[in-house]
Amino acid sequence: MNMFVEPPEVFLHRDVVDFRKSINGLVGIVEDEDELERDAYTGALFVFCNKARDKLKILYWDNTGFALWYKRLEKQKFKWPSKVASEAFELTEQQLTWLLSGYDVIGHEPLHYQSAI
């Protein structure tokens, strides 16, 4: 099943979220100027993770209302980027698929060296 066919954008919220929050609480995070500061009504996907990193919530507007998708892993943890500087960053559809499949979607940060010559 391919639930998210060509979403306009996919944003991952870096910090963990209290999973007692449902649609209204997550929309608040999306639109809060101290959090993501995005328009929740664009159809973009917003991905959130819990503290234990074994659950994901994906929030999106589907032109008739908000939808909330939930995934729980039974034995593993999601590879969640906790050391990235920005509060949120954009993923490609492929990166979202990798994340849902258990892969690290951010990878290594580039190193910048300068020759001593």
N, C-alpha and C. Protein backbone atom coordinates (compact mmCIF):
# COMPACT_ATOMS: atom_id res chain seq x y z
N MET A 1 0.84 -1.17 0.00
CA MET A 1 0.00 0.00 0.00
C MET A 1 0.89 1.24 0.00
N ASN A 2 0.65 2.13 -0.90
CA ASN A 2 1.41 3.36 -0.99
C ASN A 2 0.51 4.51 -0.56
N MET A 3 0.54 4.86 0.73
CA MET A 3 -0.36 5.86 1.28
C MET A 3 -0.04 7.26 0.81
N PHE A 4 1.22 7.59 0.71
CA PHE A 4 1.63 8.95 0.46
C PHE A 4 2.14 9.09 -0.96
N VAL A 5 1.23 9.24 -1.89
CA VAL A 5 1.59 9.33 -3.29
C VAL A 5 1.93 10.78 -3.62
N GLU A 6 3.17 11.00 -3.94
CA GLU A 6 3.69 12.31 -4.33
C GLU A 6 3.26 13.45 -3.40
N PRO A 7 3.64 13.37 -2.13
CA PRO A 7 3.33 14.50 -1.24
C PRO A 7 4.17 15.70 -1.69
N PRO A 8 3.63 16.92 -1.53
CA PRO A 8 4.39 18.09 -1.98
C PRO A 8 5.71 18.25 -1.23
N GLU A 9 5.72 17.93 0.06
CA GLU A 9 6.93 18.01 0.87
C GLU A 9 6.80 17.04 2.04
N VAL A 10 7.94 16.64 2.58
CA VAL A 10 7.97 15.79 3.78
C VAL A 10 8.93 16.45 4.76
N PHE A 11 8.42 16.79 5.94
CA PHE A 11 9.24 17.43 6.96
C PHE A 11 9.36 16.52 8.16
N LEU A 12 10.57 16.37 8.65
CA LEU A 12 10.84 15.57 9.83
C LEU A 12 11.12 16.52 10.99
N HIS A 13 10.39 16.35 12.07
CA HIS A 13 10.61 17.15 13.29
C HIS A 13 11.68 16.45 14.11
N ARG A 14 12.81 17.11 14.32
CA ARG A 14 13.98 16.48 14.94
C ARG A 14 13.75 16.06 16.38
N ASP A 15 13.12 16.91 17.18
CA ASP A 15 12.97 16.63 18.61
C ASP A 15 11.87 15.60 18.86
N VAL A 16 12.01 14.86 19.95
CA VAL A 16 10.98 13.89 20.30
C VAL A 16 9.70 14.61 20.70
N VAL A 17 8.59 13.92 20.56
CA VAL A 17 7.27 14.49 20.83
C VAL A 17 6.54 13.60 21.83
N ASP A 18 5.82 14.22 22.72
CA ASP A 18 4.96 13.49 23.65
C ASP A 18 3.84 12.86 22.82
N PHE A 19 3.78 11.54 22.78
CA PHE A 19 2.82 10.85 21.91
C PHE A 19 1.40 10.82 22.47
N ARG A 20 1.17 11.50 23.58
CA ARG A 20 -0.21 11.71 23.99
C ARG A 20 -0.86 12.78 23.11
N LYS A 21 -0.01 13.55 22.40
CA LYS A 21 -0.54 14.55 21.47
C LYS A 21 -1.19 13.85 20.29
N SER A 22 -2.32 14.37 19.90
CA SER A 22 -3.00 13.85 18.72
C SER A 22 -2.97 14.93 17.65
N ILE A 23 -3.96 14.96 16.80
CA ILE A 23 -3.95 15.86 15.65
C ILE A 23 -3.79 17.32 16.05
N ASN A 24 -4.63 17.82 16.96
CA ASN A 24 -4.56 19.24 17.32
C ASN A 24 -3.21 19.62 17.93
N GLY A 25 -2.68 18.78 18.79
CA GLY A 25 -1.38 19.06 19.41
C GLY A 25 -0.25 19.07 18.39
N LEU A 26 -0.30 18.14 17.43
CA LEU A 26 0.74 18.09 16.41
C LEU A 26 0.63 19.25 15.43
N VAL A 27 -0.61 19.65 15.08
CA VAL A 27 -0.79 20.83 14.24
C VAL A 27 -0.21 22.05 14.95
N GLY A 28 -0.39 22.13 16.25
CA GLY A 28 0.21 23.21 17.03
C GLY A 28 1.72 23.26 16.90
N ILE A 29 2.37 22.10 16.94
CA ILE A 29 3.82 22.03 16.76
C ILE A 29 4.21 22.49 15.36
N VAL A 30 3.46 22.04 14.36
CA VAL A 30 3.76 22.40 12.96
C VAL A 30 3.68 23.91 12.77
N GLU A 31 2.66 24.54 13.33
CA GLU A 31 2.44 25.96 13.05
C GLU A 31 3.09 26.90 14.06
N ASP A 32 3.57 26.41 15.18
CA ASP A 32 4.18 27.24 16.22
C ASP A 32 5.46 27.89 15.69
N GLU A 33 5.59 29.19 15.93
CA GLU A 33 6.77 29.91 15.44
C GLU A 33 8.05 29.48 16.15
N ASP A 34 7.95 28.86 17.32
CA ASP A 34 9.14 28.36 18.02
C ASP A 34 9.45 26.91 17.65
N GLU A 35 8.61 26.30 16.85
CA GLU A 35 8.82 24.91 16.45
C GLU A 35 9.08 24.87 14.94
N LEU A 36 8.15 24.32 14.16
CA LEU A 36 8.37 24.17 12.72
C LEU A 36 8.04 25.42 11.91
N GLU A 37 7.04 26.18 12.36
CA GLU A 37 6.59 27.40 11.68
C GLU A 37 6.28 27.13 10.20
N ARG A 38 5.41 26.14 9.98
CA ARG A 38 4.97 25.76 8.63
C ARG A 38 3.45 25.82 8.56
N ASP A 39 2.94 25.85 7.35
CA ASP A 39 1.50 25.81 7.12
C ASP A 39 1.07 24.34 7.09
N ALA A 40 0.25 23.95 8.03
CA ALA A 40 -0.17 22.55 8.14
C ALA A 40 -1.17 22.15 7.07
N TYR A 41 -1.72 23.11 6.33
CA TYR A 41 -2.79 22.84 5.36
C TYR A 41 -2.28 22.71 3.92
N THR A 42 -1.02 22.44 3.72
CA THR A 42 -0.45 22.37 2.37
C THR A 42 -0.50 20.97 1.77
N GLY A 43 -0.77 19.97 2.59
CA GLY A 43 -0.70 18.59 2.11
C GLY A 43 0.64 17.94 2.38
N ALA A 44 1.58 18.73 2.93
CA ALA A 44 2.90 18.18 3.28
C ALA A 44 2.74 17.16 4.40
N LEU A 45 3.67 16.23 4.46
CA LEU A 45 3.71 15.25 5.54
C LEU A 45 4.64 15.78 6.63
N PHE A 46 4.22 15.63 7.87
CA PHE A 46 5.02 16.03 9.02
C PHE A 46 5.25 14.79 9.88
N VAL A 47 6.53 14.43 10.05
CA VAL A 47 6.89 13.17 10.71
C VAL A 47 7.42 13.47 12.11
N PHE A 48 6.89 12.75 13.10
CA PHE A 48 7.26 12.92 14.50
C PHE A 48 7.65 11.57 15.09
N CYS A 49 8.51 11.60 16.11
CA CYS A 49 8.96 10.37 16.77
C CYS A 49 8.82 10.53 18.28
N ASN A 50 8.62 9.40 18.97
CA ASN A 50 8.53 9.43 20.43
C ASN A 50 9.93 9.29 21.05
N LYS A 51 10.00 9.43 22.36
CA LYS A 51 11.28 9.41 23.07
C LYS A 51 12.00 8.08 22.92
N ALA A 52 11.27 6.99 22.95
CA ALA A 52 11.88 5.66 22.83
C ALA A 52 12.29 5.33 21.39
N ARG A 53 11.89 6.16 20.43
CA ARG A 53 12.18 6.01 19.00
C ARG A 53 11.64 4.71 18.41
N ASP A 54 10.58 4.18 19.00
CA ASP A 54 9.97 2.98 18.43
C ASP A 54 8.59 3.26 17.82
N LYS A 55 8.19 4.55 17.82
CA LYS A 55 6.90 4.92 17.25
C LYS A 55 7.04 6.18 16.40
N LEU A 56 6.30 6.22 15.31
CA LEU A 56 6.24 7.39 14.44
C LEU A 56 4.80 7.82 14.27
N LYS A 57 4.59 9.13 14.13
CA LYS A 57 3.31 9.67 13.72
C LYS A 57 3.57 10.54 12.51
N ILE A 58 2.73 10.41 11.51
CA ILE A 58 2.80 11.25 10.32
C ILE A 58 1.47 11.96 10.18
N LEU A 59 1.54 13.28 10.17
CA LEU A 59 0.36 14.13 10.09
C LEU A 59 0.30 14.77 8.71
N TYR A 60 -0.89 14.83 8.12
CA TYR A 60 -1.04 15.54 6.85
C TYR A 60 -2.49 15.95 6.64
N TRP A 61 -2.66 16.98 5.83
CA TRP A 61 -3.96 17.51 5.44
C TRP A 61 -4.29 16.91 4.09
N ASP A 62 -5.48 16.27 3.95
CA ASP A 62 -5.82 15.62 2.68
C ASP A 62 -6.98 16.31 1.95
N ASN A 63 -7.13 17.61 2.14
CA ASN A 63 -8.15 18.44 1.50
C ASN A 63 -9.55 18.29 2.09
N THR A 64 -9.76 17.33 2.97
CA THR A 64 -11.06 17.20 3.63
C THR A 64 -10.90 17.21 5.15
N GLY A 65 -9.70 17.09 5.62
CA GLY A 65 -9.42 17.06 7.05
C GLY A 65 -8.01 16.53 7.28
N PHE A 66 -7.60 16.55 8.52
CA PHE A 66 -6.28 16.02 8.87
C PHE A 66 -6.35 14.51 9.01
N ALA A 67 -5.27 13.87 8.62
CA ALA A 67 -5.12 12.43 8.80
C ALA A 67 -3.86 12.21 9.63
N LEU A 68 -3.90 11.19 10.46
CA LEU A 68 -2.77 10.86 11.31
C LEU A 68 -2.43 9.40 11.13
N TRP A 69 -1.22 9.14 10.69
CA TRP A 69 -0.74 7.78 10.43
C TRP A 69 0.22 7.43 11.56
N TYR A 70 0.13 6.21 12.08
CA TYR A 70 0.90 5.79 13.26
C TYR A 70 1.59 4.46 12.96
N LYS A 71 2.86 4.37 13.33
CA LYS A 71 3.58 3.10 13.16
C LYS A 71 4.36 2.82 14.43
N ARG A 72 4.26 1.56 14.90
CA ARG A 72 4.98 1.11 16.09
C ARG A 72 5.87 -0.07 15.69
N LEU A 73 7.15 0.00 16.05
CA LEU A 73 8.06 -1.11 15.83
C LEU A 73 8.00 -2.03 17.04
N GLU A 74 8.06 -3.31 16.80
CA GLU A 74 7.97 -4.27 17.90
C GLU A 74 9.30 -4.51 18.60
N LYS A 75 10.42 -4.51 17.86
CA LYS A 75 11.69 -4.86 18.49
C LYS A 75 12.83 -3.88 18.21
N GLN A 76 12.72 -3.04 17.25
CA GLN A 76 13.83 -2.16 16.88
C GLN A 76 13.49 -0.70 17.17
N LYS A 77 14.40 0.18 16.78
CA LYS A 77 14.20 1.61 16.93
C LYS A 77 14.40 2.29 15.58
N PHE A 78 13.69 3.39 15.37
CA PHE A 78 13.90 4.17 14.16
C PHE A 78 15.24 4.89 14.25
N LYS A 79 15.91 5.03 13.13
CA LYS A 79 17.18 5.76 13.06
C LYS A 79 16.84 7.24 12.99
N TRP A 80 16.74 7.86 14.15
CA TRP A 80 16.25 9.23 14.23
C TRP A 80 17.41 10.20 14.36
N PRO A 81 17.48 11.21 13.52
CA PRO A 81 18.61 12.16 13.54
C PRO A 81 18.48 13.14 14.71
N SER A 82 19.17 12.88 15.80
CA SER A 82 19.05 13.73 16.98
C SER A 82 20.15 14.79 17.05
N LYS A 83 21.19 14.65 16.26
CA LYS A 83 22.32 15.58 16.35
C LYS A 83 22.36 16.57 15.19
N VAL A 84 21.27 16.73 14.50
CA VAL A 84 21.20 17.68 13.41
C VAL A 84 20.84 19.04 13.99
N ALA A 85 21.47 20.09 13.48
CA ALA A 85 21.30 21.42 14.06
C ALA A 85 19.90 22.00 13.88
N SER A 86 19.28 21.79 12.75
CA SER A 86 17.98 22.41 12.50
C SER A 86 16.86 21.66 13.21
N GLU A 87 15.82 22.41 13.59
CA GLU A 87 14.66 21.85 14.29
C GLU A 87 13.90 20.87 13.41
N ALA A 88 13.85 21.17 12.11
CA ALA A 88 13.15 20.31 11.16
C ALA A 88 13.89 20.37 9.84
N PHE A 89 13.77 19.32 9.09
CA PHE A 89 14.37 19.35 7.77
C PHE A 89 13.53 18.52 6.81
N GLU A 90 13.74 18.78 5.54
CA GLU A 90 12.93 18.17 4.51
C GLU A 90 13.53 16.84 4.06
N LEU A 91 12.66 15.86 3.86
CA LEU A 91 13.05 14.57 3.34
C LEU A 91 12.47 14.39 1.94
N THR A 92 13.10 13.55 1.16
CA THR A 92 12.51 13.14 -0.11
C THR A 92 11.57 11.97 0.17
N GLU A 93 10.74 11.63 -0.81
CA GLU A 93 9.88 10.45 -0.65
C GLU A 93 10.71 9.21 -0.42
N GLN A 94 11.84 9.10 -1.13
CA GLN A 94 12.72 7.93 -0.97
C GLN A 94 13.27 7.87 0.45
N GLN A 95 13.68 8.99 0.99
CA GLN A 95 14.19 9.01 2.36
C GLN A 95 13.10 8.61 3.36
N LEU A 96 11.86 9.05 3.12
CA LEU A 96 10.75 8.63 4.00
C LEU A 96 10.56 7.12 3.93
N THR A 97 10.61 6.56 2.75
CA THR A 97 10.50 5.11 2.59
C THR A 97 11.63 4.41 3.34
N TRP A 98 12.84 4.93 3.22
CA TRP A 98 13.97 4.35 3.94
C TRP A 98 13.77 4.44 5.45
N LEU A 99 13.31 5.59 5.94
CA LEU A 99 13.06 5.75 7.36
C LEU A 99 12.05 4.73 7.86
N LEU A 100 10.95 4.58 7.13
CA LEU A 100 9.91 3.61 7.52
C LEU A 100 10.41 2.18 7.44
N SER A 101 11.46 1.95 6.64
CA SER A 101 12.05 0.61 6.50
C SER A 101 13.20 0.38 7.48
N GLY A 102 13.55 1.39 8.26
CA GLY A 102 14.58 1.20 9.28
C GLY A 102 15.96 1.70 8.93
N TYR A 103 16.11 2.41 7.83
CA TYR A 103 17.42 2.91 7.43
C TYR A 103 17.68 4.30 7.98
N ASP A 104 18.94 4.66 8.09
CA ASP A 104 19.34 6.00 8.49
C ASP A 104 19.19 6.92 7.28
N VAL A 105 18.31 7.89 7.36
CA VAL A 105 18.02 8.72 6.19
C VAL A 105 18.93 9.93 6.09
N ILE A 106 19.61 10.28 7.15
CA ILE A 106 20.46 11.47 7.12
C ILE A 106 21.89 11.11 6.73
N GLY A 107 22.37 9.98 7.20
CA GLY A 107 23.74 9.58 6.87
C GLY A 107 24.75 10.42 7.62
N HIS A 108 25.90 10.55 7.04
CA HIS A 108 26.98 11.30 7.68
C HIS A 108 26.96 12.75 7.21
N GLU A 109 27.34 13.63 8.10
CA GLU A 109 27.48 15.02 7.71
C GLU A 109 28.77 15.19 6.94
N PRO A 110 28.78 16.04 5.91
CA PRO A 110 30.00 16.23 5.13
C PRO A 110 31.10 16.88 5.96
N LEU A 111 32.32 16.48 5.72
CA LEU A 111 33.47 17.07 6.37
C LEU A 111 34.12 18.05 5.40
N HIS A 112 34.55 19.16 5.91
CA HIS A 112 35.18 20.17 5.07
C HIS A 112 36.61 20.40 5.56
N TYR A 113 37.55 19.98 4.74
CA TYR A 113 38.96 20.15 5.07
C TYR A 113 39.57 21.15 4.12
N GLN A 114 40.62 21.77 4.59
CA GLN A 114 41.37 22.70 3.75
C GLN A 114 42.82 22.28 3.78
N SER A 115 43.42 22.26 2.65
CA SER A 115 44.82 21.87 2.55
C SER A 115 45.70 22.87 3.28
N ALA A 116 46.76 22.37 3.90
CA ALA A 116 47.71 23.22 4.60
C ALA A 116 48.72 23.84 3.62
N ILE A 117 48.62 23.44 2.37
CA ILE A 117 49.57 23.94 1.35
C ILE A 117 49.16 25.29 0.85
